[in-house]
Amino acid sequence: MASNTNGDKKAKILSIFKKKEKAPETSAEAEEIYTGEGLEEAEASDLFAGLPPVEEETPEPEETPASEVKKPESKEAFSEESSEETASSLSFGETTGETQDQPKEEKEEKRSVLDVSVAESAKDRQDSRSLTEIFGRNKLIWLIVGIVALLIILIVIMFSDRLYNQVKGQASYTLTESQIHVSFAEGNVGIGIYDNQLLRCSQDGIQALTEKGNVVWDIPFTMSAPTLKIAGDYISVADQLGMRIMIINAGNVTTEVTTESNILMSALNELGQAAVVLSAKDGHIVNLYSAQGDLLMQRRTFQISDGIPIAVALSENGTRMATVYVNYTGTVLKSIITVFDLTESGSLLVDRVVGSIAYEDIVISDLKFIGNRLFFAGSEIIGAVSTRDGVEKEWEKSLGYRIEALVMADDYVALRFGEGLAGTAERVDKNIVIYNYSGNVISDQYIQGASYLGASNDTVIIGSGRSYTAISSGGAIKWTMDSTEDYMELLAFPGGKSVAALKRSQIDFYNVTLKGAVLEDD
């Protein structure tokens, strides 16, 4: 029976073709199918007449302009149109059996993916804004962190040498005997470092030696008690309690002076000028000589009024000289530091005296010029005065401990303390202290039983019996040695690879080694 509605016709056709799973390709095939389904010819023709022609491929549906799309007036109308669109979208060529729900699922999946993408994009923008806000709010904090990091790097660079020495000092360096020995007649002998050479000064002359013990130059003389001084390129040898002084430059004698009385002490500067303090009747004489032996200045003092000379020093540029005299009146002991002007303008001053400063109940024993600053040290005090315009105190330190030994290098002074003075601690906490010439402590430490103190270049050597420890001025341990010999003095060569050790009639040469290996050049 024929269907009265288009929807019934489509439903009927859909039912037939689902059974056959094949669309008719010709009118004859369609007629055969309808007949097989028990349809009368009139009914089949009626159904067939209401259908569009059968095609092998279903053409792509054209998009309907948005302006032509009509909203359903009611839920029922929407359902009816949806049913019709679903039925009409079925192609006669489909053989997979898929339902009309497939396109809807794909759309929903696309919408889901799009929603996730949009959500992720929004989250990224939100995270970006959050980071920007965080960095914006904490800009000052990050700036401070950067500055602190930069300061740390600068500090590491500044102290890299000291850190290297500290690490090196903990590597157990020691001294290994090199089998090189230099012998001489037993007597009054002094040694010193001159350039990269070792000077040996004895009663029979002076020699310059290499680290291997080879003689560079040799100047013979005869002195009873030669005293060695080194300043820059110049060397002086004064016969203490004798009347002879020699000034030497690079192995050549520039002058030799015979004084009018015995020499008590001497000083030398980088210009080759030499000051000597001589004994005299009822007092003393201070003479100043040029490198060529010319008498530049002479000053006469009297023991009853001026006291006893203890030390003399010359400035590097030759413009100042200083002396220390100790005067005791029977009730008061005074150390008097006097500074002299050696320039032409100084001739206008009485005895060329720039000024003086006195310390009561203290014996000042050592002087050293650092530019226009005069450093001084006494039994329990160190300090400095400016000599540029007069004599003005710069700084001083009352140490509280007795100074048992003192060595002055170009950039530092090393002290070995003994027992504490009255009213102070009985035992010193740090018995080896190194100061710069501004009065600041560079390093300090305690070495049990310290009895020897020496210095050369940047190496300070402390002895305790036959055990020796070498440190840098900064306090880093360079090497240690337990010796089987009693040495009078040890000096390190420049570069720190070799050490000379003085006995009464022999110098022994050592190599600074690590596990038996001689140190190579840096």
Protein backbone atom coordinates (compact mmCIF):
# COMPACT_ATOMS: atom_id res chain seq x y z
CA MET A 1 0.00 0.00 0.00
CA ALA A 2 1.29 3.36 -0.96
CA SER A 3 2.50 5.74 1.71
CA ASN A 4 0.54 8.94 2.18
CA THR A 5 3.62 11.07 3.32
CA ASN A 6 7.06 11.74 2.03
CA GLY A 7 8.49 10.65 5.37
CA ASP A 8 6.77 7.28 5.12
CA LYS A 9 8.13 6.79 1.63
CA LYS A 10 11.69 7.49 2.74
CA ALA A 11 11.36 5.21 5.73
CA LYS A 12 10.05 2.44 3.47
CA ILE A 13 12.93 2.83 1.02
CA LEU A 14 15.45 2.94 3.87
CA SER A 15 14.12 -0.33 5.26
CA ILE A 16 14.32 -2.06 1.84
CA PHE A 17 17.89 -0.95 1.07
CA LYS A 18 19.19 -1.86 4.48
CA LYS A 19 18.12 -5.43 3.78
CA LYS A 20 19.66 -5.53 0.31
CA GLU A 21 22.84 -3.56 1.29
CA LYS A 22 22.98 -2.51 -2.35
CA ALA A 23 21.45 0.36 -4.25
CA PRO A 24 19.80 -0.38 -7.61
CA GLU A 25 21.85 0.83 -10.56
CA THR A 26 19.05 0.64 -13.16
CA SER A 27 15.29 0.96 -13.18
CA ALA A 28 15.07 -2.77 -13.92
CA GLU A 29 17.07 -3.60 -10.79
CA ALA A 30 14.89 -1.29 -8.72
CA GLU A 31 11.74 -2.89 -10.09
CA GLU A 32 13.15 -6.32 -9.32
CA ILE A 33 13.88 -5.28 -5.74
CA TYR A 34 10.46 -3.78 -5.15
CA THR A 35 8.79 -6.84 -6.66
CA GLY A 36 10.89 -9.12 -4.41
CA GLU A 37 9.65 -7.19 -1.44
CA GLY A 38 6.08 -7.90 -2.35
CA LEU A 39 5.29 -4.45 -3.61
CA GLU A 40 2.80 -3.95 -6.31
CA GLU A 41 3.99 -2.22 -9.43
CA ALA A 42 1.88 0.80 -8.71
CA GLU A 43 3.21 1.10 -5.18
CA ALA A 44 6.83 0.65 -6.32
CA SER A 45 6.38 3.24 -9.04
CA ASP A 46 4.82 5.60 -6.55
CA LEU A 47 7.74 5.18 -4.17
CA PHE A 48 10.30 5.43 -6.93
CA ALA A 49 8.65 8.52 -8.35
CA GLY A 50 9.12 10.38 -5.02
CA LEU A 51 12.87 9.71 -4.88
CA PRO A 52 15.77 11.61 -6.44
CA PRO A 53 17.81 9.82 -9.10
CA VAL A 54 20.35 7.29 -7.77
CA GLU A 55 24.07 8.42 -8.19
CA GLU A 56 27.32 6.54 -7.64
CA GLU A 57 28.78 9.33 -5.44
CA THR A 58 26.88 11.65 -3.21
CA PRO A 59 27.83 15.28 -4.00
CA GLU A 60 29.21 17.50 -1.19
CA PRO A 61 26.33 19.40 0.45
CA GLU A 62 26.36 23.11 -0.16
CA GLU A 63 26.60 25.35 2.83
CA THR A 64 23.45 27.27 3.55
CA PRO A 65 24.04 31.01 4.12
CA ALA A 66 23.57 32.02 7.71
CA SER A 67 20.92 34.51 6.63
CA GLU A 68 18.75 31.70 5.26
CA VAL A 69 18.98 29.51 8.32
CA LYS A 70 15.71 29.52 10.23
CA LYS A 71 15.44 28.79 13.88
CA PRO A 72 12.93 26.05 14.74
CA GLU A 73 9.78 27.45 16.22
CA SER A 74 9.43 24.63 18.68
CA LYS A 75 11.11 21.55 20.05
CA GLU A 76 8.82 19.32 17.93
CA ALA A 77 9.61 21.18 14.74
CA PHE A 78 13.33 20.90 15.44
CA SER A 79 13.05 17.14 15.97
CA GLU A 80 11.09 16.66 12.74
CA GLU A 81 13.58 18.64 10.65
CA SER A 82 16.48 16.79 12.23
CA SER A 83 14.88 13.46 11.38
CA GLU A 84 14.31 14.46 7.76
CA GLU A 85 17.90 15.83 7.38
CA THR A 86 19.34 12.65 8.83
CA ALA A 87 17.34 10.44 6.43
CA SER A 88 18.17 12.57 3.40
CA SER A 89 21.87 12.58 4.23
CA LEU A 90 22.08 8.79 3.73
CA SER A 91 23.73 8.05 0.37
CA PHE A 92 22.75 5.07 -1.72
CA GLY A 93 26.48 4.28 -2.07
CA GLU A 94 27.08 3.80 1.76
CA THR A 95 27.82 0.20 2.69
CA THR A 96 29.50 0.57 6.10
CA GLY A 97 26.30 0.62 8.14
CA GLU A 98 27.36 3.82 10.05
CA THR A 99 24.59 5.86 11.58
CA GLN A 100 23.78 9.49 11.40
CA ASP A 101 25.38 10.06 14.86
CA GLN A 102 28.92 9.97 13.36
CA PRO A 103 29.09 13.63 12.15
CA LYS A 104 27.78 14.89 15.49
CA GLU A 105 30.49 13.01 17.43
CA GLU A 106 33.20 14.42 15.14
CA LYS A 107 31.89 17.95 15.67
CA GLU A 108 31.74 17.43 19.40
CA GLU A 109 35.31 16.09 19.37
CA LYS A 110 36.50 19.12 17.34
CA ARG A 111 34.72 21.45 19.73
CA SER A 112 36.39 19.68 22.66
CA VAL A 113 39.84 19.99 21.09
CA LEU A 114 39.18 23.64 20.31
CA ASP A 115 37.99 24.28 23.84
CA VAL A 116 41.14 22.65 25.27
CA SER A 117 43.35 24.68 22.91
CA VAL A 118 41.62 27.89 23.88
CA ALA A 119 41.90 27.00 27.56
CA GLU A 120 45.63 26.20 27.24
CA SER A 121 46.26 29.44 25.35
CA ALA A 122 44.44 31.40 28.04
CA LYS A 123 46.46 29.59 30.72
CA ASP A 124 49.75 30.38 28.92
CA ARG A 125 48.78 34.05 28.73
CA GLN A 126 47.86 34.00 32.40
CA ASP A 127 51.19 32.29 33.34
CA SER A 128 53.10 34.83 31.23
CA ARG A 129 51.32 37.69 32.95
CA SER A 130 52.01 36.06 36.35
CA LEU A 131 55.75 35.74 35.65
CA THR A 132 55.89 39.31 34.39
CA GLU A 133 54.13 40.50 37.52
CA ILE A 134 56.47 38.42 39.74
CA PHE A 135 59.64 39.74 38.06
CA GLY A 136 58.22 43.23 38.04
CA ARG A 137 57.46 43.15 41.75
CA ASN A 138 60.81 41.56 42.62
CA LYS A 139 63.03 43.59 40.30
CA LEU A 140 64.83 45.17 43.25
CA ILE A 141 65.43 41.76 44.84
CA TRP A 142 66.96 40.37 41.66
CA LEU A 143 69.13 43.46 41.34
CA ILE A 144 70.45 42.96 44.87
CA VAL A 145 71.10 39.26 44.20
CA GLY A 146 73.07 40.19 41.07
CA ILE A 147 75.18 42.74 42.95
CA VAL A 148 75.96 40.25 45.73
CA ALA A 149 77.01 37.61 43.18
CA LEU A 150 79.30 40.13 41.47
CA LEU A 151 80.89 41.07 44.79
CA ILE A 152 81.55 37.42 45.59
CA ILE A 153 83.29 36.97 42.23
CA LEU A 154 85.43 40.07 42.82
CA ILE A 155 86.41 38.87 46.30
CA VAL A 156 87.44 35.48 44.89
CA ILE A 157 89.59 37.20 42.24
CA MET A 158 91.16 39.58 44.77
CA PHE A 159 92.12 36.78 47.10
CA SER A 160 92.97 34.20 44.47
CA ASP A 161 96.70 34.35 45.23
CA ARG A 162 96.12 33.98 48.93
CA LEU A 163 93.72 31.07 48.39
CA TYR A 164 96.29 29.41 46.12
CA ASN A 165 98.97 29.76 48.78
CA GLN A 166 96.66 28.34 51.44
CA VAL A 167 95.86 25.29 49.31
CA LYS A 168 99.53 24.96 48.42
CA GLY A 169 100.49 25.26 52.08
CA GLN A 170 98.28 22.30 52.96
CA ALA A 171 99.98 20.13 50.35
CA SER A 172 102.84 19.11 52.76
CA TYR A 173 105.79 20.80 51.09
CA THR A 174 109.10 20.21 52.79
CA LEU A 175 112.83 20.84 52.28
CA THR A 176 115.05 18.29 50.59
CA GLU A 177 118.82 18.69 50.80
CA SER A 178 120.31 19.37 47.37
CA GLN A 179 123.81 18.11 48.25
CA ILE A 180 125.19 21.60 47.52
CA HIS A 181 127.36 23.08 50.28
CA VAL A 182 129.59 26.13 50.50
CA SER A 183 132.26 26.04 53.20
CA PHE A 184 134.32 28.90 54.67
CA ALA A 185 136.42 29.69 57.70
CA GLU A 186 134.50 29.77 60.93
CA GLY A 187 133.85 33.27 62.20
CA ASN A 188 131.48 36.22 61.95
CA VAL A 189 129.29 35.48 58.89
CA GLY A 190 126.19 37.14 57.55
CA ILE A 191 123.94 36.23 54.60
CA GLY A 192 121.32 38.14 52.62
CA ILE A 193 119.31 38.03 49.40
CA TYR A 194 120.50 40.43 46.70
CA ASP A 195 118.45 40.36 43.48
CA ASN A 196 118.21 36.58 42.81
CA GLN A 197 121.50 35.81 44.49
CA LEU A 198 122.64 34.84 47.96
CA LEU A 199 125.29 37.04 49.55
CA ARG A 200 127.77 35.48 51.94
CA CYS A 201 129.69 38.02 53.96
CA SER A 202 132.51 36.91 56.26
CA GLN A 203 135.79 38.13 57.66
CA ASP A 204 137.64 37.24 54.46
CA GLY A 205 135.31 38.87 51.93
CA ILE A 206 131.88 38.84 50.25
CA GLN A 207 130.52 36.52 47.57
CA ALA A 208 127.39 36.39 45.45
CA LEU A 209 126.09 32.83 44.90
CA THR A 210 123.38 31.29 42.72
CA GLU A 211 120.79 28.79 43.96
CA LYS A 212 123.19 26.05 42.80
CA GLY A 213 126.04 27.45 44.91
CA ASN A 214 127.97 28.85 41.95
CA VAL A 215 130.00 32.02 42.57
CA VAL A 216 128.82 35.04 40.52
CA TRP A 217 131.33 37.49 41.92
CA ASP A 218 133.78 37.62 44.82
CA ILE A 219 135.31 40.63 46.61
CA PRO A 220 138.03 39.74 49.13
CA PHE A 221 138.78 41.89 52.19
CA THR A 222 139.72 41.52 55.82
CA MET A 223 137.34 42.72 58.56
CA SER A 224 136.94 41.67 62.16
CA ALA A 225 133.13 42.01 62.37
CA PRO A 226 131.60 42.75 58.94
CA THR A 227 127.98 43.96 59.01
CA LEU A 228 125.95 43.51 55.81
CA LYS A 229 123.27 45.97 54.58
CA ILE A 230 121.30 45.68 51.31
CA ALA A 231 119.16 48.44 49.72
CA GLY A 232 118.05 48.22 46.09
CA ASP A 233 121.11 47.81 43.88
CA TYR A 234 123.55 48.78 46.63
CA ILE A 235 125.37 46.79 49.31
CA SER A 236 127.36 48.10 52.25
CA VAL A 237 129.79 46.21 54.45
CA ALA A 238 130.82 48.03 57.62
CA ASP A 239 133.42 46.71 60.04
CA GLN A 240 131.63 47.05 63.35
CA LEU A 241 134.09 48.21 65.99
CA GLY A 242 136.47 48.82 63.10
CA MET A 243 136.96 51.91 60.95
CA ARG A 244 136.18 50.74 57.43
CA ILE A 245 133.04 50.77 55.26
CA MET A 246 132.67 49.60 51.63
CA ILE A 247 129.83 50.44 49.24
CA ILE A 248 129.27 47.92 46.43
CA ASN A 249 127.07 47.94 43.33
CA ALA A 250 126.59 44.84 41.15
CA GLY A 251 129.83 43.29 42.29
CA ASN A 252 131.86 46.47 41.93
CA VAL A 253 133.20 48.54 44.81
CA THR A 254 131.99 52.11 44.32
CA THR A 255 133.76 53.50 47.37
CA GLU A 256 135.68 52.52 50.48
CA VAL A 257 135.87 54.90 53.43
CA THR A 258 138.09 54.85 56.48
CA THR A 259 136.44 56.61 59.40
CA GLU A 260 138.04 58.64 62.21
CA SER A 261 136.83 56.29 64.93
CA ASN A 262 135.15 52.93 65.43
CA ILE A 263 131.85 52.20 63.70
CA LEU A 264 128.98 51.31 66.05
CA MET A 265 126.13 50.99 63.51
CA SER A 266 125.25 51.87 59.92
CA ALA A 267 122.40 52.38 57.48
CA LEU A 268 122.06 52.33 53.67
CA ASN A 269 119.45 53.59 51.17
CA GLU A 270 118.63 52.91 47.51
CA LEU A 271 120.81 55.82 46.37
CA GLY A 272 123.90 54.21 47.85
CA GLN A 273 124.13 56.77 50.67
CA ALA A 274 125.53 55.34 53.89
CA ALA A 275 125.14 56.68 57.42
CA VAL A 276 127.50 55.54 60.14
CA VAL A 277 127.45 56.22 63.88
CA LEU A 278 130.93 56.47 65.35
CA SER A 279 132.22 56.46 68.87
CA ALA A 280 133.89 59.65 70.08
CA LYS A 281 135.24 61.16 73.25
CA ASP A 282 132.37 62.11 75.55
CA GLY A 283 129.84 61.23 72.89
CA HIS A 284 129.27 60.16 69.30
CA ILE A 285 129.52 61.29 65.66
CA VAL A 286 126.99 60.67 62.88
CA ASN A 287 128.50 60.79 59.37
CA LEU A 288 126.58 60.62 56.07
CA TYR A 289 128.44 59.55 52.91
CA SER A 290 127.42 59.52 49.26
CA ALA A 291 127.78 56.41 47.09
CA GLN A 292 131.06 57.91 45.90
CA GLY A 293 132.39 58.41 49.44
CA ASP A 294 131.76 62.16 49.82
CA LEU A 295 130.93 63.37 53.33
CA LEU A 296 127.47 64.92 53.07
CA MET A 297 126.76 65.58 56.74
CA GLN A 298 128.35 65.27 60.16
CA ARG A 299 126.70 65.68 63.55
CA ARG A 300 128.36 65.61 66.95
CA THR A 301 126.41 64.48 70.02
CA PHE A 302 127.27 64.23 73.71
CA GLN A 303 126.34 61.36 75.89
CA ILE A 304 125.57 63.44 78.97
CA SER A 305 122.95 65.52 77.16
CA ASP A 306 121.91 63.47 74.13
CA GLY A 307 122.29 59.94 75.43
CA ILE A 308 123.41 56.75 73.70
CA PRO A 309 122.65 56.03 70.01
CA ILE A 310 120.51 52.94 69.43
CA ALA A 311 119.47 53.05 65.73
CA VAL A 312 119.89 55.07 62.52
CA ALA A 313 117.84 55.01 59.26
CA LEU A 314 117.82 56.74 55.85
CA SER A 315 114.83 57.44 53.61
CA GLU A 316 114.75 55.80 50.20
CA ASN A 317 114.88 59.13 48.34
CA GLY A 318 117.71 60.54 50.46
CA THR A 319 115.74 63.48 51.89
CA ARG A 320 115.50 62.29 55.53
CA MET A 321 117.64 60.66 58.18
CA ALA A 322 116.50 59.53 61.63
CA THR A 323 118.25 58.47 64.81
CA VAL A 324 117.17 57.05 68.15
CA TYR A 325 119.01 57.97 71.32
CA VAL A 326 118.22 56.65 74.78
CA ASN A 327 118.78 59.10 77.58
CA TYR A 328 118.73 58.14 81.25
CA THR A 329 118.87 60.87 83.87
CA GLY A 330 118.84 58.60 86.90
CA THR A 331 115.08 58.78 87.39
CA VAL A 332 113.58 58.83 83.89
CA LEU A 333 114.48 56.79 80.80
CA LYS A 334 113.58 58.33 77.46
CA SER A 335 113.84 57.17 73.84
CA ILE A 336 114.14 60.19 71.56
CA ILE A 337 113.50 59.88 67.81
CA THR A 338 115.07 62.77 65.86
CA VAL A 339 114.49 63.43 62.15
CA PHE A 340 116.91 65.39 59.95
CA ASP A 341 116.35 67.21 56.65
CA LEU A 342 119.03 66.24 54.10
CA THR A 343 117.82 68.54 51.32
CA GLU A 344 119.29 71.94 50.51
CA SER A 345 116.59 73.66 52.54
CA GLY A 346 117.67 71.59 55.53
CA SER A 347 120.91 73.57 55.70
CA LEU A 348 118.85 76.49 57.00
CA LEU A 349 117.75 74.45 60.04
CA VAL A 350 119.79 74.13 63.22
CA ASP A 351 121.70 70.86 62.80
CA ARG A 352 119.14 70.10 60.01
CA VAL A 353 116.68 68.91 62.68
CA VAL A 354 113.09 68.69 61.41
CA GLY A 355 111.65 67.59 64.72
CA SER A 356 111.70 64.90 67.41
CA ILE A 357 109.40 62.76 69.55
CA ALA A 358 110.12 61.11 72.92
CA TYR A 359 108.80 57.99 74.69
CA GLU A 360 109.32 57.48 78.41
CA ASP A 361 110.23 54.13 79.96
CA ILE A 362 110.40 52.50 76.52
CA VAL A 363 113.50 51.59 74.54
CA ILE A 364 113.00 52.19 70.77
CA SER A 365 115.38 49.84 68.99
CA ASP A 366 114.45 49.74 65.30
CA LEU A 367 113.68 52.30 62.58
CA LYS A 368 112.60 51.98 58.93
CA PHE A 369 111.48 54.60 56.39
CA ILE A 370 108.51 53.78 54.17
CA GLY A 371 108.34 56.84 51.93
CA ASN A 372 107.92 59.82 54.26
CA ARG A 373 106.60 57.56 57.02
CA LEU A 374 109.05 56.45 59.70
CA PHE A 375 108.18 53.14 61.34
CA PHE A 376 109.58 52.41 64.79
CA ALA A 377 109.53 49.48 67.18
CA GLY A 378 110.50 49.13 70.80
CA SER A 379 110.42 46.61 73.56
CA GLU A 380 106.62 46.65 73.77
CA ILE A 381 105.41 49.19 71.21
CA ILE A 382 105.26 49.75 67.47
CA GLY A 383 104.14 52.86 65.61
CA ALA A 384 104.80 55.34 62.84
CA VAL A 385 105.33 59.08 62.45
CA SER A 386 105.03 61.31 59.41
CA THR A 387 108.17 63.24 58.50
CA ARG A 388 106.81 65.24 55.58
CA ASP A 389 106.39 68.45 57.53
CA GLY A 390 107.98 68.11 60.93
CA VAL A 391 107.38 64.97 63.02
CA GLU A 392 103.76 64.02 63.58
CA LYS A 393 102.52 60.83 65.16
CA GLU A 394 100.41 58.71 62.78
CA TRP A 395 99.68 55.63 64.88
CA GLU A 396 101.10 53.52 67.66
CA LYS A 397 100.20 50.25 69.38
CA SER A 398 101.05 49.20 72.91
CA LEU A 399 101.33 45.46 72.45
CA GLY A 400 101.11 44.14 75.99
CA TYR A 401 103.80 41.55 75.21
CA ARG A 402 107.55 41.79 75.05
CA ILE A 403 109.03 41.74 71.52
CA GLU A 404 111.70 39.03 71.45
CA ALA A 405 112.50 39.24 67.72
CA LEU A 406 111.64 41.55 64.84
CA VAL A 407 112.34 41.45 61.10
CA MET A 408 111.38 44.25 58.69
CA ALA A 409 110.67 43.47 55.02
CA ASP A 410 109.66 45.90 52.28
CA ASP A 411 105.91 45.53 52.88
CA TYR A 412 105.55 44.11 56.38
CA VAL A 413 107.14 43.68 59.78
CA ALA A 414 107.09 40.30 61.56
CA LEU A 415 107.18 40.08 65.35
CA ARG A 416 107.82 37.21 67.73
CA PHE A 417 106.28 37.84 71.13
CA GLY A 418 107.55 36.57 74.44
CA GLU A 419 105.92 36.70 77.84
CA GLY A 420 103.19 39.13 78.71
CA LEU A 421 104.02 42.33 80.52
CA ALA A 422 102.78 43.19 83.99
CA GLY A 423 99.00 43.43 84.07
CA THR A 424 98.54 41.35 80.89
CA ALA A 425 97.95 37.69 80.15
CA GLU A 426 100.82 35.43 81.21
CA ARG A 427 100.71 33.44 77.98
CA VAL A 428 100.41 35.03 74.58
CA ASP A 429 97.66 33.63 72.34
CA LYS A 430 99.43 34.50 69.09
CA ASN A 431 103.20 34.62 69.33
CA ILE A 432 103.88 35.29 65.64
CA VAL A 433 102.17 38.44 64.35
CA ILE A 434 102.72 40.18 61.01
CA TYR A 435 101.75 43.83 60.55
CA ASN A 436 101.75 46.13 57.57
CA TYR A 437 103.27 49.57 57.99
CA SER A 438 99.86 51.11 58.62
CA GLY A 439 99.58 49.12 61.84
CA ASN A 440 97.07 46.53 60.61
CA VAL A 441 97.50 42.83 61.40
CA ILE A 442 98.02 40.81 58.22
CA SER A 443 98.22 37.44 59.95
CA ASP A 444 98.86 35.91 63.35
CA GLN A 445 99.35 32.43 64.77
CA TYR A 446 100.82 30.48 67.62
CA ILE A 447 103.85 28.23 67.14
CA GLN A 448 104.90 26.25 70.18
CA GLY A 449 108.44 26.97 71.38
CA ALA A 450 109.24 29.50 68.65
CA SER A 451 112.84 30.63 69.08
CA TYR A 452 113.88 31.83 65.61
CA LEU A 453 112.37 34.42 63.25
CA GLY A 454 113.66 35.34 59.80
CA ALA A 455 112.24 36.85 56.62
CA SER A 456 113.11 37.33 52.97
CA ASN A 457 110.84 38.41 50.16
CA ASP A 458 107.33 37.13 51.03
CA THR A 459 108.58 34.23 53.15
CA VAL A 460 108.69 34.35 56.95
CA ILE A 461 110.55 31.45 58.59
CA ILE A 462 109.87 30.46 62.20
CA GLY A 463 112.10 28.01 64.05
CA SER A 464 111.32 25.93 67.11
CA GLY A 465 114.43 23.95 68.03
CA ARG A 466 115.33 22.13 64.81
CA SER A 467 111.82 22.32 63.38
CA TYR A 468 111.09 25.09 60.91
CA THR A 469 107.88 26.43 59.39
CA ALA A 470 107.74 28.87 56.47
CA ILE A 471 104.67 31.03 55.96
CA SER A 472 103.66 33.82 53.62
CA SER A 473 103.03 37.27 55.06
CA GLY A 474 99.33 36.36 54.79
CA GLY A 475 99.85 33.36 57.09
CA ALA A 476 99.62 30.51 54.55
CA ILE A 477 102.01 27.65 55.29
CA LYS A 478 104.60 27.23 52.52
CA TRP A 479 106.69 24.38 53.86
CA THR A 480 107.89 22.67 57.01
CA MET A 481 111.14 20.91 57.86
CA ASP A 482 112.51 18.82 60.72
CA SER A 483 116.27 19.27 60.52
CA THR A 484 119.12 17.26 62.00
CA GLU A 485 121.33 20.37 62.05
CA ASP A 486 121.49 23.53 64.14
CA TYR A 487 121.17 26.52 61.81
CA MET A 488 121.88 30.15 62.58
CA GLU A 489 119.79 31.62 59.75
CA LEU A 490 117.56 30.48 56.86
CA LEU A 491 116.66 32.56 53.79
CA ALA A 492 114.34 31.72 50.89
CA PHE A 493 115.39 32.56 47.34
CA PRO A 494 112.99 34.60 45.18
CA GLY A 495 110.48 32.26 43.53
CA GLY A 496 110.27 30.05 46.61
CA LYS A 497 111.99 26.99 45.10
CA SER A 498 115.22 27.03 47.13
CA VAL A 499 116.37 27.84 50.65
CA ALA A 500 119.82 28.61 52.02
CA ALA A 501 120.63 27.51 55.59
CA LEU A 502 123.61 28.99 57.43
CA LYS A 503 125.76 27.08 59.89
CA ARG A 504 128.90 28.37 61.60
CA SER A 505 131.23 27.44 58.75
CA GLN A 506 128.96 26.23 55.95
CA ILE A 507 125.88 27.06 53.91
CA ASP A 508 123.56 24.18 52.96
CA PHE A 509 121.20 24.52 50.00
CA TYR A 510 117.74 22.94 50.03
CA ASN A 511 115.02 22.45 47.44
CA VAL A 512 111.37 22.99 48.31
CA THR A 513 109.73 19.72 47.30
CA LEU A 514 106.43 17.88 47.31
CA LYS A 515 106.66 14.09 47.54
CA GLY A 516 110.21 14.14 46.27
CA ALA A 517 109.54 16.33 43.21
CA VAL A 518 111.38 19.63 42.80
CA LEU A 519 109.00 22.52 42.17
CA GLU A 520 108.91 23.80 38.62
CA ASP A 521 108.47 27.41 37.52
CA ASP A 522 104.87 28.64 37.58
